[in-house]
Amino acid sequence: MAVDRNETICHCMGVTRGEIMDAIKEQGLKTVDEVGEATSAGTGCGGCQPDIEEILSEING
């Protein structure tokens, strides 16, 4: 299944899957908090943090 880079992961901050993936790869991010600092994703209600964790796992193994 193809990854939808335009899928909104963090609705509070309007951050897409692609933005999160790029930040993780370019900045070597390892934690949800680091992703939040880099993109603001997960810093609103926090409901997307499990999705961010999943993206981190997919990229970092």
PDB file of N, CA and C in Angstrom:
ATOM      1  N   MET A   1       0.838  -1.193   0.000  1.00  0.00           N
ATOM      2  CA  MET A   1       0.000   0.000   0.000  1.00  0.00           C
ATOM      3  C   MET A   1       0.877   1.249   0.000  1.00  0.00           C
ATOM      4  N   ALA A   2       0.584   2.175  -0.862  1.00  0.00           N
ATOM      5  CA  ALA A   2       1.354   3.414  -0.946  1.00  0.00           C
ATOM      6  C   ALA A   2       1.056   4.310   0.253  1.00  0.00           C
ATOM      7  N   VAL A   3       2.077   5.005   0.689  1.00  0.00           N
ATOM      8  CA  VAL A   3       1.934   5.939   1.802  1.00  0.00           C
ATOM      9  C   VAL A   3       1.370   7.249   1.263  1.00  0.00           C
ATOM     10  N   ASP A   4       0.343   7.763   1.937  1.00  0.00           N
ATOM     11  CA  ASP A   4      -0.246   9.044   1.557  1.00  0.00           C
ATOM     12  C   ASP A   4       0.460  10.150   2.329  1.00  0.00           C
ATOM     13  N   ARG A   5       1.442  10.777   1.682  1.00  0.00           N
ATOM     14  CA  ARG A   5       2.211  11.825   2.339  1.00  0.00           C
ATOM     15  C   ARG A   5       1.352  13.045   2.693  1.00  0.00           C
ATOM     16  N   ASN A   6       0.197  13.172   2.042  1.00  0.00           N
ATOM     17  CA  ASN A   6      -0.670  14.321   2.293  1.00  0.00           C
ATOM     18  C   ASN A   6      -1.686  14.071   3.401  1.00  0.00           C
ATOM     19  N   GLU A   7      -1.685  12.854   3.955  1.00  0.00           N
ATOM     20  CA  GLU A   7      -2.621  12.540   5.045  1.00  0.00           C
ATOM     21  C   GLU A   7      -2.291  13.412   6.247  1.00  0.00           C
ATOM     22  N   THR A   8      -3.310  14.085   6.789  1.00  0.00           N
ATOM     23  CA  THR A   8      -3.095  14.904   7.981  1.00  0.00           C
ATOM     24  C   THR A   8      -3.018  13.990   9.189  1.00  0.00           C
ATOM     25  N   ILE A   9      -1.895  14.030   9.872  1.00  0.00           N
ATOM     26  CA  ILE A   9      -1.689  13.226  11.077  1.00  0.00           C
ATOM     27  C   ILE A   9      -2.105  14.023  12.302  1.00  0.00           C
ATOM     28  N   CYS A  10      -1.624  15.267  12.379  1.00  0.00           N
ATOM     29  CA  CYS A  10      -1.966  16.136  13.507  1.00  0.00           C
ATOM     30  C   CYS A  10      -2.981  17.169  13.029  1.00  0.00           C
ATOM     31  N   HIS A  11      -4.231  16.939  13.387  1.00  0.00           N
ATOM     32  CA  HIS A  11      -5.303  17.837  12.948  1.00  0.00           C
ATOM     33  C   HIS A  11      -5.253  19.173  13.690  1.00  0.00           C
ATOM     34  N   CYS A  12      -4.818  19.158  14.943  1.00  0.00           N
ATOM     35  CA  CYS A  12      -4.746  20.414  15.708  1.00  0.00           C
ATOM     36  C   CYS A  12      -3.798  21.409  15.055  1.00  0.00           C
ATOM     37  N   MET A  13      -2.656  20.908  14.584  1.00  0.00           N
ATOM     38  CA  MET A  13      -1.617  21.778  14.036  1.00  0.00           C
ATOM     39  C   MET A  13      -1.526  21.705  12.506  1.00  0.00           C
ATOM     40  N   GLY A  14      -2.323  20.828  11.905  1.00  0.00           N
ATOM     41  CA  GLY A  14      -2.344  20.718  10.454  1.00  0.00           C
ATOM     42  C   GLY A  14      -1.060  20.165   9.861  1.00  0.00           C
ATOM     43  N   VAL A  15      -0.487  19.156  10.511  1.00  0.00           N
ATOM     44  CA  VAL A  15       0.787  18.587  10.059  1.00  0.00           C
ATOM     45  C   VAL A  15       0.515  17.268   9.329  1.00  0.00           C
ATOM     46  N   THR A  16       1.126  17.122   8.160  1.00  0.00           N
ATOM     47  CA  THR A  16       0.893  15.930   7.341  1.00  0.00           C
ATOM     48  C   THR A  16       1.920  14.835   7.633  1.00  0.00           C
ATOM     49  N   ARG A  17       1.585  13.634   7.175  1.00  0.00           N
ATOM     50  CA  ARG A  17       2.489  12.491   7.299  1.00  0.00           C
ATOM     51  C   ARG A  17       3.836  12.806   6.630  1.00  0.00           C
ATOM     52  N   GLY A  18       3.786  13.416   5.437  1.00  0.00           N
ATOM     53  CA  GLY A  18       5.012  13.740   4.717  1.00  0.00           C
ATOM     54  C   GLY A  18       5.904  14.702   5.479  1.00  0.00           C
ATOM     55  N   GLU A  19       5.308  15.699   6.098  1.00  0.00           N
ATOM     56  CA  GLU A  19       6.090  16.660   6.881  1.00  0.00           C
ATOM     57  C   GLU A  19       6.781  15.967   8.050  1.00  0.00           C
ATOM     58  N   ILE A  20       6.052  15.070   8.702  1.00  0.00           N
ATOM     59  CA  ILE A  20       6.621  14.328   9.833  1.00  0.00           C
ATOM     60  C   ILE A  20       7.736  13.402   9.350  1.00  0.00           C
ATOM     61  N   MET A  21       7.486  12.678   8.264  1.00  0.00           N
ATOM     62  CA  MET A  21       8.493  11.761   7.719  1.00  0.00           C
ATOM     63  C   MET A  21       9.764  12.512   7.332  1.00  0.00           C
ATOM     64  N   ASP A  22       9.619  13.637   6.666  1.00  0.00           N
ATOM     65  CA  ASP A  22      10.781  14.419   6.233  1.00  0.00           C
ATOM     66  C   ASP A  22      11.578  14.920   7.434  1.00  0.00           C
ATOM     67  N   ALA A  23      10.881  15.405   8.450  1.00  0.00           N
ATOM     68  CA  ALA A  23      11.567  15.915   9.642  1.00  0.00           C
ATOM     69  C   ALA A  23      12.341  14.803  10.339  1.00  0.00           C
ATOM     70  N   ILE A  24      11.737  13.624  10.452  1.00  0.00           N
ATOM     71  CA  ILE A  24      12.405  12.493  11.094  1.00  0.00           C
ATOM     72  C   ILE A  24      13.674  12.128  10.325  1.00  0.00           C
ATOM     73  N   LYS A  25      13.553  12.038   9.011  1.00  0.00           N
ATOM     74  CA  LYS A  25      14.701  11.638   8.179  1.00  0.00           C
ATOM     75  C   LYS A  25      15.786  12.710   8.154  1.00  0.00           C
ATOM     76  N   GLU A  26      15.399  13.964   7.986  1.00  0.00           N
ATOM     77  CA  GLU A  26      16.372  15.038   7.823  1.00  0.00           C
ATOM     78  C   GLU A  26      17.070  15.405   9.132  1.00  0.00           C
ATOM     79  N   GLN A  27      16.347  15.276  10.252  1.00  0.00           N
ATOM     80  CA  GLN A  27      16.888  15.727  11.539  1.00  0.00           C
ATOM     81  C   GLN A  27      17.246  14.568  12.462  1.00  0.00           C
ATOM     82  N   GLY A  28      17.025  13.336  12.011  1.00  0.00           N
ATOM     83  CA  GLY A  28      17.367  12.174  12.829  1.00  0.00           C
ATOM     84  C   GLY A  28      16.558  12.091  14.115  1.00  0.00           C
ATOM     85  N   LEU A  29      15.288  12.464  14.036  1.00  0.00           N
ATOM     86  CA  LEU A  29      14.441  12.478  15.224  1.00  0.00           C
ATOM     87  C   LEU A  29      14.153  11.060  15.704  1.00  0.00           C
ATOM     88  N   LYS A  30      14.086  10.896  17.040  1.00  0.00           N
ATOM     89  CA  LYS A  30      13.889   9.570  17.632  1.00  0.00           C
ATOM     90  C   LYS A  30      12.663   9.475  18.528  1.00  0.00           C
ATOM     91  N   THR A  31      12.116  10.617  18.972  1.00  0.00           N
ATOM     92  CA  THR A  31      11.006  10.586  19.925  1.00  0.00           C
ATOM     93  C   THR A  31       9.840  11.458  19.455  1.00  0.00           C
ATOM     94  N   VAL A  32       8.680  11.192  20.030  1.00  0.00           N
ATOM     95  CA  VAL A  32       7.490  11.998  19.746  1.00  0.00           C
ATOM     96  C   VAL A  32       7.741  13.452  20.145  1.00  0.00           C
ATOM     97  N   ASP A  33       8.432  13.658  21.255  1.00  0.00           N
ATOM     98  CA  ASP A  33       8.723  15.022  21.703  1.00  0.00           C
ATOM     99  C   ASP A  33       9.597  15.762  20.699  1.00  0.00           C
ATOM    100  N   GLU A  34      10.602  15.061  20.135  1.00  0.00           N
ATOM    101  CA  GLU A  34      11.462  15.687  19.137  1.00  0.00           C
ATOM    102  C   GLU A  34      10.673  16.054  17.886  1.00  0.00           C
ATOM    103  N   VAL A  35       9.755  15.165  17.480  1.00  0.00           N
ATOM    104  CA  VAL A  35       8.901  15.460  16.326  1.00  0.00           C
ATOM    105  C   VAL A  35       8.042  16.683  16.630  1.00  0.00           C
ATOM    106  N   GLY A  36       7.529  16.769  17.842  1.00  0.00           N
ATOM    107  CA  GLY A  36       6.722  17.917  18.251  1.00  0.00           C
ATOM    108  C   GLY A  36       7.495  19.216  18.198  1.00  0.00           C
ATOM    109  N   GLU A  37       8.758  19.178  18.669  1.00  0.00           N
ATOM    110  CA  GLU A  37       9.596  20.375  18.642  1.00  0.00           C
ATOM    111  C   GLU A  37       9.887  20.797  17.208  1.00  0.00           C
ATOM    112  N   ALA A  38      10.089  19.812  16.316  1.00  0.00           N
ATOM    113  CA  ALA A  38      10.470  20.113  14.935  1.00  0.00           C
ATOM    114  C   ALA A  38       9.284  20.529  14.067  1.00  0.00           C
ATOM    115  N   THR A  39       8.101  19.944  14.325  1.00  0.00           N
ATOM    116  CA  THR A  39       6.963  20.154  13.423  1.00  0.00           C
ATOM    117  C   THR A  39       5.721  20.717  14.100  1.00  0.00           C
ATOM    118  N   SER A  40       5.679  20.715  15.413  1.00  0.00           N
ATOM    119  CA  SER A  40       4.537  21.071  16.257  1.00  0.00           C
ATOM    120  C   SER A  40       3.484  19.960  16.304  1.00  0.00           C
ATOM    121  N   ALA A  41       3.692  18.872  15.557  1.00  0.00           N
ATOM    122  CA  ALA A  41       2.741  17.747  15.588  1.00  0.00           C
ATOM    123  C   ALA A  41       2.728  17.118  16.975  1.00  0.00           C
ATOM    124  N   GLY A  42       1.530  16.815  17.455  1.00  0.00           N
ATOM    125  CA  GLY A  42       1.392  16.157  18.747  1.00  0.00           C
ATOM    126  C   GLY A  42       1.432  17.088  19.930  1.00  0.00           C
ATOM    127  N   THR A  43       1.513  18.401  19.676  1.00  0.00           N
ATOM    128  CA  THR A  43       1.628  19.347  20.785  1.00  0.00           C
ATOM    129  C   THR A  43       0.305  20.003  21.148  1.00  0.00           C
ATOM    130  N   GLY A  44      -0.764  19.659  20.392  1.00  0.00           N
ATOM    131  CA  GLY A  44      -2.093  20.200  20.708  1.00  0.00           C
ATOM    132  C   GLY A  44      -2.769  19.284  21.714  1.00  0.00           C
ATOM    133  N   CYS A  45      -3.718  18.498  21.240  1.00  0.00           N
ATOM    134  CA  CYS A  45      -4.457  17.608  22.143  1.00  0.00           C
ATOM    135  C   CYS A  45      -3.677  16.335  22.462  1.00  0.00           C
ATOM    136  N   GLY A  46      -2.705  15.981  21.604  1.00  0.00           N
ATOM    137  CA  GLY A  46      -1.903  14.786  21.846  1.00  0.00           C
ATOM    138  C   GLY A  46      -2.493  13.506  21.283  1.00  0.00           C
ATOM    139  N   GLY A  47      -3.659  13.594  20.679  1.00  0.00           N
ATOM    140  CA  GLY A  47      -4.330  12.405  20.171  1.00  0.00           C
ATOM    141  C   GLY A  47      -3.596  11.694  19.048  1.00  0.00           C
ATOM    142  N   CYS A  48      -2.725  12.412  18.355  1.00  0.00           N
ATOM    143  CA  CYS A  48      -2.000  11.815  17.234  1.00  0.00           C
ATOM    144  C   CYS A  48      -0.659  11.226  17.646  1.00  0.00           C
ATOM    145  N   GLN A  49      -0.291  11.316  18.912  1.00  0.00           N
ATOM    146  CA  GLN A  49       1.016  10.828  19.340  1.00  0.00           C
ATOM    147  C   GLN A  49       1.243   9.349  19.026  1.00  0.00           C
ATOM    148  N   PRO A  50       0.228   8.472  19.157  1.00  0.00           N
ATOM    149  CA  PRO A  50       0.447   7.077  18.745  1.00  0.00           C
ATOM    150  C   PRO A  50       0.751   6.949  17.249  1.00  0.00           C
ATOM    151  N   ASP A  51       0.132   7.790  16.433  1.00  0.00           N
ATOM    152  CA  ASP A  51       0.413   7.778  14.990  1.00  0.00           C
ATOM    153  C   ASP A  51       1.847   8.245  14.722  1.00  0.00           C
ATOM    154  N   ILE A  52       2.292   9.251  15.461  1.00  0.00           N
ATOM    155  CA  ILE A  52       3.664   9.738  15.311  1.00  0.00           C
ATOM    156  C   ILE A  52       4.640   8.644  15.722  1.00  0.00           C
ATOM    157  N   GLU A  53       4.325   7.950  16.811  1.00  0.00           N
ATOM    158  CA  GLU A  53       5.159   6.840  17.287  1.00  0.00           C
ATOM    159  C   GLU A  53       5.274   5.765  16.208  1.00  0.00           C
ATOM    160  N   GLU A  54       4.165   5.491  15.547  1.00  0.00           N
ATOM    161  CA  GLU A  54       4.145   4.492  14.479  1.00  0.00           C
ATOM    162  C   GLU A  54       5.033   4.922  13.305  1.00  0.00           C
ATOM    163  N   ILE A  55       4.966   6.193  12.921  1.00  0.00           N
ATOM    164  CA  ILE A  55       5.798   6.705  11.833  1.00  0.00           C
ATOM    165  C   ILE A  55       7.278   6.623  12.229  1.00  0.00           C
ATOM    166  N   LEU A  56       7.581   6.971  13.475  1.00  0.00           N
ATOM    167  CA  LEU A  56       8.958   6.867  13.961  1.00  0.00           C
ATOM    168  C   LEU A  56       9.456   5.432  13.843  1.00  0.00           C
ATOM    169  N   SER A  57       8.617   4.479  14.236  1.00  0.00           N
ATOM    170  CA  SER A  57       8.993   3.064  14.176  1.00  0.00           C
ATOM    171  C   SER A  57       9.224   2.613  12.738  1.00  0.00           C
ATOM    172  N   GLU A  58       8.351   3.066  11.831  1.00  0.00           N
ATOM    173  CA  GLU A  58       8.476   2.691  10.425  1.00  0.00           C
ATOM    174  C   GLU A  58       9.801   3.178   9.839  1.00  0.00           C
ATOM    175  N   ILE A  59      10.219   4.381  10.222  1.00  0.00           N
ATOM    176  CA  ILE A  59      11.415   4.978   9.645  1.00  0.00           C
ATOM    177  C   ILE A  59      12.680   4.518  10.383  1.00  0.00           C
ATOM    178  N   ASN A  60      12.630   4.486  11.697  1.00  0.00           N
ATOM    179  CA  ASN A  60      13.832   4.186  12.484  1.00  0.00           C
ATOM    180  C   ASN A  60      13.985   2.699  12.811  1.00  0.00           C
ATOM    181  N   GLY A  61      12.931   1.927  12.574  1.00  0.00           N
ATOM    182  CA  GLY A  61      13.020   0.491  12.836  1.00  0.00           C
ATOM    183  C   GLY A  61      12.816   0.120  14.280  1.00  0.00           C
TER     184      GLY A  61
END
